[in-house]
Amino acid sequence: MKFYLAARYIRRRQMLEIASELQALGHSVVSTWIDGHHETRPGIDGDATVAEKALWAIEDVHDIERCDCLLAFTEEPRSGNSRGGRHVELGIALGLGKQVIICGPRENVFCCLPEVEAYDSWVECKRAIGPA
């Protein structure tokens, strides 16, 4: 299965580890944002130009179009600053009819849709996904 990993950018390194775990199970990960190229310099994306940000968004949409399943790593509702791009990614996946799996709390009402699978932890989620 081809997965798109949606999470806060600050969790990028964790997503690299999860991508490795999924690949070890025989799956693939199409999320190019986790490779760190959405930064104007290491660790910094706040000073990106509008054109750079638009390019990153286009890349993310293309990645979501290529996936079979969007795997969303959610946060506790109202738990700190976040730009919220992962919410848009989840909406795009739902709109495209992709399978959506939530790993973490149901952060907003769209995480409660009956077609959205939800697991409290990565351990539970990975067990449910299983090998390819």
N, C-alpha and C. Protein backbone atom coordinates (compact mmCIF):
# COMPACT_ATOMS: atom_id res chain seq x y z
N MET A 1 0.85 -1.17 0.00
CA MET A 1 0.00 0.00 0.00
C MET A 1 0.89 1.24 0.00
N LYS A 2 0.46 2.28 -0.67
CA LYS A 2 1.19 3.56 -0.71
C LYS A 2 0.56 4.52 0.29
N PHE A 3 1.36 4.98 1.24
CA PHE A 3 0.88 5.86 2.31
C PHE A 3 1.40 7.28 2.13
N TYR A 4 0.55 8.25 2.47
CA TYR A 4 0.95 9.63 2.65
C TYR A 4 0.87 9.89 4.14
N LEU A 5 1.95 10.36 4.74
CA LEU A 5 1.99 10.66 6.17
C LEU A 5 1.71 12.15 6.37
N ALA A 6 0.66 12.45 7.10
CA ALA A 6 0.28 13.83 7.40
C ALA A 6 0.52 14.08 8.89
N ALA A 7 1.32 15.10 9.19
CA ALA A 7 1.64 15.42 10.58
C ALA A 7 2.17 16.84 10.64
N ARG A 8 2.30 17.37 11.85
CA ARG A 8 2.93 18.67 12.02
C ARG A 8 4.36 18.58 11.51
N TYR A 9 4.83 19.63 10.88
CA TYR A 9 6.19 19.61 10.32
C TYR A 9 7.23 19.34 11.40
N ILE A 10 6.98 19.77 12.58
CA ILE A 10 7.93 19.56 13.68
C ILE A 10 8.14 18.06 13.96
N ARG A 11 7.21 17.21 13.49
CA ARG A 11 7.30 15.76 13.69
C ARG A 11 7.95 15.05 12.49
N ARG A 12 8.60 15.81 11.61
CA ARG A 12 9.16 15.25 10.39
C ARG A 12 10.12 14.10 10.65
N ARG A 13 11.01 14.22 11.59
CA ARG A 13 11.98 13.15 11.87
C ARG A 13 11.27 11.89 12.36
N GLN A 14 10.25 12.05 13.17
CA GLN A 14 9.45 10.90 13.61
C GLN A 14 8.78 10.23 12.41
N MET A 15 8.31 11.04 11.45
CA MET A 15 7.67 10.48 10.27
C MET A 15 8.67 9.69 9.42
N LEU A 16 9.94 10.10 9.42
CA LEU A 16 10.97 9.32 8.72
C LEU A 16 11.11 7.94 9.35
N GLU A 17 11.05 7.87 10.67
CA GLU A 17 11.13 6.59 11.37
C GLU A 17 9.91 5.72 11.05
N ILE A 18 8.74 6.33 11.05
CA ILE A 18 7.51 5.59 10.75
C ILE A 18 7.53 5.11 9.29
N ALA A 19 8.03 5.95 8.39
CA ALA A 19 8.16 5.54 6.99
C ALA A 19 9.04 4.30 6.88
N SER A 20 10.14 4.28 7.64
CA SER A 20 11.03 3.11 7.62
C SER A 20 10.31 1.86 8.13
N GLU A 21 9.50 2.02 9.16
CA GLU A 21 8.75 0.88 9.70
C GLU A 21 7.74 0.37 8.67
N LEU A 22 7.06 1.29 7.99
CA LEU A 22 6.09 0.88 6.96
C LEU A 22 6.80 0.18 5.80
N GLN A 23 7.94 0.70 5.40
CA GLN A 23 8.71 0.09 4.32
C GLN A 23 9.20 -1.30 4.71
N ALA A 24 9.55 -1.48 5.97
CA ALA A 24 9.97 -2.80 6.45
C ALA A 24 8.82 -3.81 6.38
N LEU A 25 7.59 -3.30 6.42
CA LEU A 25 6.40 -4.16 6.29
C LEU A 25 6.02 -4.38 4.83
N GLY A 26 6.77 -3.77 3.91
CA GLY A 26 6.50 -3.95 2.48
C GLY A 26 5.64 -2.88 1.85
N HIS A 27 5.34 -1.82 2.60
CA HIS A 27 4.55 -0.70 2.08
C HIS A 27 5.50 0.37 1.53
N SER A 28 4.94 1.36 0.86
CA SER A 28 5.74 2.50 0.42
C SER A 28 5.14 3.78 0.98
N VAL A 29 5.98 4.80 1.07
CA VAL A 29 5.55 6.11 1.58
C VAL A 29 5.85 7.14 0.50
N VAL A 30 4.83 7.89 0.11
CA VAL A 30 4.97 8.85 -0.99
C VAL A 30 5.08 10.30 -0.50
N SER A 31 5.17 10.51 0.79
CA SER A 31 5.25 11.86 1.37
C SER A 31 6.65 12.42 1.17
N THR A 32 6.83 13.28 0.20
CA THR A 32 8.16 13.84 -0.04
C THR A 32 8.52 14.93 0.98
N TRP A 33 7.52 15.51 1.66
CA TRP A 33 7.81 16.57 2.63
C TRP A 33 8.68 16.06 3.77
N ILE A 34 8.62 14.78 4.09
CA ILE A 34 9.39 14.26 5.22
C ILE A 34 10.90 14.25 4.93
N ASP A 35 11.28 14.40 3.67
CA ASP A 35 12.70 14.42 3.30
C ASP A 35 13.37 15.75 3.64
N GLY A 36 12.59 16.75 4.08
CA GLY A 36 13.16 18.01 4.53
C GLY A 36 13.33 19.07 3.47
N HIS A 37 12.86 18.83 2.24
CA HIS A 37 13.07 19.84 1.20
C HIS A 37 12.04 20.98 1.27
N HIS A 38 11.17 20.95 2.26
CA HIS A 38 10.24 22.06 2.46
C HIS A 38 10.82 23.05 3.47
N GLU A 39 12.11 23.27 3.37
CA GLU A 39 12.78 24.21 4.26
C GLU A 39 13.67 25.12 3.42
N THR A 40 13.73 26.39 3.79
CA THR A 40 14.62 27.30 3.08
C THR A 40 16.05 27.14 3.57
N ARG A 41 16.20 26.67 4.80
CA ARG A 41 17.47 26.22 5.35
C ARG A 41 17.11 25.24 6.46
N PRO A 42 18.02 24.37 6.88
CA PRO A 42 17.66 23.31 7.82
C PRO A 42 16.91 23.82 9.05
N GLY A 43 15.74 23.25 9.28
CA GLY A 43 14.94 23.59 10.44
C GLY A 43 14.11 24.86 10.32
N ILE A 44 14.22 25.57 9.21
CA ILE A 44 13.54 26.86 9.09
C ILE A 44 12.68 26.86 7.82
N ASP A 45 11.39 27.10 7.99
CA ASP A 45 10.54 27.26 6.82
C ASP A 45 9.73 28.56 6.88
N GLY A 46 9.88 29.32 7.95
CA GLY A 46 9.09 30.53 8.14
C GLY A 46 9.43 31.67 7.19
N ASP A 47 10.64 31.68 6.65
CA ASP A 47 11.00 32.79 5.77
C ASP A 47 10.87 32.41 4.29
N ALA A 48 10.15 31.35 4.01
CA ALA A 48 9.93 30.94 2.62
C ALA A 48 9.06 31.97 1.90
N THR A 49 9.28 32.10 0.61
CA THR A 49 8.48 33.02 -0.19
C THR A 49 7.12 32.39 -0.49
N VAL A 50 6.19 33.19 -0.94
CA VAL A 50 4.88 32.68 -1.34
C VAL A 50 5.04 31.66 -2.46
N ALA A 51 5.92 31.91 -3.39
CA ALA A 51 6.14 30.98 -4.51
C ALA A 51 6.67 29.64 -4.00
N GLU A 52 7.61 29.68 -3.04
CA GLU A 52 8.13 28.43 -2.46
C GLU A 52 7.02 27.66 -1.75
N LYS A 53 6.23 28.36 -0.96
CA LYS A 53 5.14 27.70 -0.23
C LYS A 53 4.12 27.11 -1.19
N ALA A 54 3.83 27.82 -2.27
CA ALA A 54 2.89 27.29 -3.27
C ALA A 54 3.43 26.02 -3.91
N LEU A 55 4.71 26.01 -4.22
CA LEU A 55 5.34 24.82 -4.79
C LEU A 55 5.24 23.64 -3.83
N TRP A 56 5.49 23.88 -2.54
CA TRP A 56 5.40 22.82 -1.55
C TRP A 56 3.97 22.28 -1.48
N ALA A 57 2.99 23.16 -1.51
CA ALA A 57 1.59 22.73 -1.46
C ALA A 57 1.25 21.88 -2.69
N ILE A 58 1.70 22.30 -3.84
CA ILE A 58 1.44 21.54 -5.08
C ILE A 58 2.07 20.15 -4.99
N GLU A 59 3.29 20.10 -4.48
CA GLU A 59 3.97 18.80 -4.31
C GLU A 59 3.18 17.90 -3.36
N ASP A 60 2.69 18.47 -2.25
CA ASP A 60 1.92 17.68 -1.29
C ASP A 60 0.63 17.15 -1.91
N VAL A 61 -0.06 17.98 -2.66
CA VAL A 61 -1.30 17.53 -3.33
C VAL A 61 -0.99 16.39 -4.29
N HIS A 62 0.07 16.52 -5.07
CA HIS A 62 0.45 15.43 -5.99
C HIS A 62 0.77 14.15 -5.22
N ASP A 63 1.45 14.27 -4.10
CA ASP A 63 1.76 13.10 -3.28
C ASP A 63 0.48 12.45 -2.77
N ILE A 64 -0.47 13.25 -2.32
CA ILE A 64 -1.75 12.71 -1.83
C ILE A 64 -2.49 12.01 -2.96
N GLU A 65 -2.45 12.59 -4.15
CA GLU A 65 -3.10 11.95 -5.30
C GLU A 65 -2.50 10.57 -5.59
N ARG A 66 -1.21 10.39 -5.31
CA ARG A 66 -0.53 9.13 -5.60
C ARG A 66 -0.72 8.07 -4.52
N CYS A 67 -1.20 8.46 -3.35
CA CYS A 67 -1.30 7.50 -2.25
C CYS A 67 -2.58 6.67 -2.32
N ASP A 68 -2.55 5.55 -1.62
CA ASP A 68 -3.75 4.75 -1.41
C ASP A 68 -4.44 5.15 -0.12
N CYS A 69 -3.63 5.59 0.84
CA CYS A 69 -4.14 5.87 2.18
C CYS A 69 -3.38 7.04 2.79
N LEU A 70 -4.11 7.98 3.36
CA LEU A 70 -3.50 9.06 4.12
C LEU A 70 -3.50 8.64 5.59
N LEU A 71 -2.33 8.64 6.19
CA LEU A 71 -2.17 8.29 7.59
C LEU A 71 -1.90 9.58 8.34
N ALA A 72 -2.88 10.04 9.12
CA ALA A 72 -2.81 11.34 9.80
C ALA A 72 -2.40 11.15 11.25
N PHE A 73 -1.31 11.81 11.63
CA PHE A 73 -0.84 11.79 13.00
C PHE A 73 -1.35 13.07 13.66
N THR A 74 -2.34 12.90 14.52
CA THR A 74 -3.06 14.04 15.08
C THR A 74 -2.47 14.45 16.43
N GLU A 75 -2.96 15.58 16.91
CA GLU A 75 -2.54 16.15 18.19
C GLU A 75 -3.79 16.34 19.05
N GLU A 76 -3.56 16.55 20.33
CA GLU A 76 -4.68 16.90 21.19
C GLU A 76 -5.27 18.22 20.67
N PRO A 77 -6.59 18.33 20.60
CA PRO A 77 -7.19 19.59 20.12
C PRO A 77 -6.70 20.79 20.93
N ARG A 78 -6.43 21.87 20.20
CA ARG A 78 -5.98 23.14 20.78
C ARG A 78 -4.71 23.01 21.60
N SER A 79 -3.76 22.19 21.10
CA SER A 79 -2.54 21.94 21.87
C SER A 79 -1.33 22.66 21.27
N GLY A 80 -1.38 23.95 21.22
CA GLY A 80 -0.22 24.71 20.77
C GLY A 80 -0.38 25.25 19.36
N ASN A 81 0.63 25.99 18.96
CA ASN A 81 0.63 26.62 17.64
C ASN A 81 0.81 25.60 16.54
N SER A 82 0.05 25.75 15.50
CA SER A 82 0.16 24.88 14.34
C SER A 82 -0.43 25.62 13.15
N ARG A 83 0.20 25.47 12.00
CA ARG A 83 -0.34 26.11 10.80
C ARG A 83 -1.51 25.32 10.23
N GLY A 84 -1.57 24.02 10.52
CA GLY A 84 -2.73 23.24 10.16
C GLY A 84 -2.76 22.64 8.77
N GLY A 85 -1.63 22.63 8.06
CA GLY A 85 -1.63 22.05 6.73
C GLY A 85 -2.09 20.61 6.71
N ARG A 86 -1.82 19.87 7.79
CA ARG A 86 -2.23 18.47 7.84
C ARG A 86 -3.74 18.31 7.79
N HIS A 87 -4.46 19.31 8.28
CA HIS A 87 -5.93 19.27 8.21
C HIS A 87 -6.41 19.39 6.77
N VAL A 88 -5.76 20.26 6.03
CA VAL A 88 -6.11 20.42 4.61
C VAL A 88 -5.79 19.13 3.86
N GLU A 89 -4.64 18.54 4.17
CA GLU A 89 -4.25 17.29 3.52
C GLU A 89 -5.30 16.20 3.78
N LEU A 90 -5.78 16.11 5.02
CA LEU A 90 -6.82 15.13 5.35
C LEU A 90 -8.07 15.41 4.53
N GLY A 91 -8.46 16.66 4.41
CA GLY A 91 -9.63 17.03 3.62
C GLY A 91 -9.47 16.68 2.15
N ILE A 92 -8.29 16.92 1.61
CA ILE A 92 -8.03 16.56 0.21
C ILE A 92 -8.19 15.06 0.03
N ALA A 93 -7.60 14.28 0.94
CA ALA A 93 -7.68 12.82 0.85
C ALA A 93 -9.14 12.36 0.92
N LEU A 94 -9.92 12.92 1.82
CA LEU A 94 -11.33 12.56 1.91
C LEU A 94 -12.05 12.92 0.62
N GLY A 95 -11.78 14.09 0.10
CA GLY A 95 -12.42 14.54 -1.14
C GLY A 95 -12.07 13.66 -2.33
N LEU A 96 -10.87 13.09 -2.31
CA LEU A 96 -10.44 12.20 -3.39
C LEU A 96 -10.90 10.76 -3.18
N GLY A 97 -11.57 10.50 -2.07
CA GLY A 97 -12.05 9.16 -1.78
C GLY A 97 -10.96 8.21 -1.32
N LYS A 98 -9.86 8.76 -0.78
CA LYS A 98 -8.76 7.93 -0.29
C LYS A 98 -9.13 7.34 1.06
N GLN A 99 -8.52 6.23 1.39
CA GLN A 99 -8.64 5.68 2.73
C GLN A 99 -7.92 6.64 3.67
N VAL A 100 -8.50 6.88 4.84
CA VAL A 100 -7.89 7.76 5.83
C VAL A 100 -7.83 7.02 7.16
N ILE A 101 -6.64 7.05 7.76
CA ILE A 101 -6.44 6.46 9.07
C ILE A 101 -5.88 7.54 9.99
N ILE A 102 -6.46 7.66 11.17
CA ILE A 102 -6.02 8.60 12.18
C ILE A 102 -5.21 7.85 13.21
N CYS A 103 -4.05 8.41 13.56
CA CYS A 103 -3.23 7.86 14.63
C CYS A 103 -3.12 8.96 15.69
N GLY A 104 -3.88 8.81 16.75
CA GLY A 104 -3.93 9.83 17.80
C GLY A 104 -5.36 10.23 18.08
N PRO A 105 -5.55 11.34 18.78
CA PRO A 105 -6.90 11.78 19.12
C PRO A 105 -7.67 12.28 17.90
N ARG A 106 -8.98 12.24 17.98
CA ARG A 106 -9.83 12.77 16.91
C ARG A 106 -9.82 14.30 17.05
N GLU A 107 -8.94 14.91 16.28
CA GLU A 107 -8.62 16.33 16.45
C GLU A 107 -9.73 17.27 16.01
N ASN A 108 -10.54 16.86 15.06
CA ASN A 108 -11.64 17.71 14.59
C ASN A 108 -12.79 16.83 14.12
N VAL A 109 -13.89 17.44 13.72
CA VAL A 109 -15.09 16.67 13.38
C VAL A 109 -14.88 15.73 12.20
N PHE A 110 -13.98 16.06 11.28
CA PHE A 110 -13.77 15.20 10.11
C PHE A 110 -13.06 13.90 10.48
N CYS A 111 -12.39 13.91 11.61
CA CYS A 111 -11.77 12.68 12.12
C CYS A 111 -12.82 11.72 12.67
N CYS A 112 -14.05 12.19 12.80
CA CYS A 112 -15.14 11.37 13.36
C CYS A 112 -16.02 10.75 12.28
N LEU A 113 -15.74 11.03 11.01
CA LEU A 113 -16.54 10.43 9.94
C LEU A 113 -16.46 8.92 10.01
N PRO A 114 -17.55 8.23 9.70
CA PRO A 114 -17.55 6.77 9.83
C PRO A 114 -16.54 6.07 8.93
N GLU A 115 -16.15 6.66 7.82
CA GLU A 115 -15.19 6.01 6.93
C GLU A 115 -13.74 6.19 7.38
N VAL A 116 -13.51 6.98 8.42
CA VAL A 116 -12.16 7.23 8.92
C VAL A 116 -11.84 6.23 10.03
N GLU A 117 -10.78 5.45 9.84
CA GLU A 117 -10.31 4.53 10.89
C GLU A 117 -9.52 5.36 11.89
N ALA A 118 -9.58 4.97 13.16
CA ALA A 118 -8.84 5.72 14.18
C ALA A 118 -8.22 4.76 15.19
N TYR A 119 -6.97 5.07 15.54
CA TYR A 119 -6.22 4.30 16.52
C TYR A 119 -5.56 5.28 17.48
N ASP A 120 -5.48 4.87 18.75
CA ASP A 120 -4.92 5.75 19.77
C ASP A 120 -3.41 5.88 19.69
N SER A 121 -2.73 4.86 19.18
CA SER A 121 -1.27 4.87 19.19
C SER A 121 -0.72 4.31 17.88
N TRP A 122 0.56 4.59 17.62
CA TRP A 122 1.22 4.06 16.45
C TRP A 122 1.33 2.54 16.54
N VAL A 123 1.54 2.01 17.72
CA VAL A 123 1.64 0.56 17.90
C VAL A 123 0.35 -0.12 17.42
N GLU A 124 -0.80 0.40 17.88
CA GLU A 124 -2.10 -0.16 17.46
C GLU A 124 -2.31 0.02 15.96
N CYS A 125 -1.98 1.19 15.46
CA CYS A 125 -2.18 1.50 14.05
C CYS A 125 -1.33 0.58 13.17
N LYS A 126 -0.06 0.43 13.52
CA LYS A 126 0.85 -0.41 12.74
C LYS A 126 0.38 -1.86 12.74
N ARG A 127 -0.12 -2.31 13.88
CA ARG A 127 -0.64 -3.68 13.98
C ARG A 127 -1.84 -3.86 13.04
N ALA A 128 -2.73 -2.87 12.99
CA ALA A 128 -3.90 -2.94 12.13
C ALA A 128 -3.52 -2.88 10.66
N ILE A 129 -2.53 -2.09 10.32
CA ILE A 129 -2.07 -1.98 8.92
C ILE A 129 -1.46 -3.31 8.47
N GLY A 130 -0.58 -3.84 9.29
CA GLY A 130 0.05 -5.12 9.00
C GLY A 130 0.94 -5.10 7.77
N PRO A 131 1.46 -6.27 7.41
CA PRO A 131 2.35 -6.35 6.24
C PRO A 131 1.59 -6.18 4.94
N ALA A 132 2.33 -5.78 3.91
CA ALA A 132 1.73 -5.57 2.59
C ALA A 132 1.29 -6.89 2.00
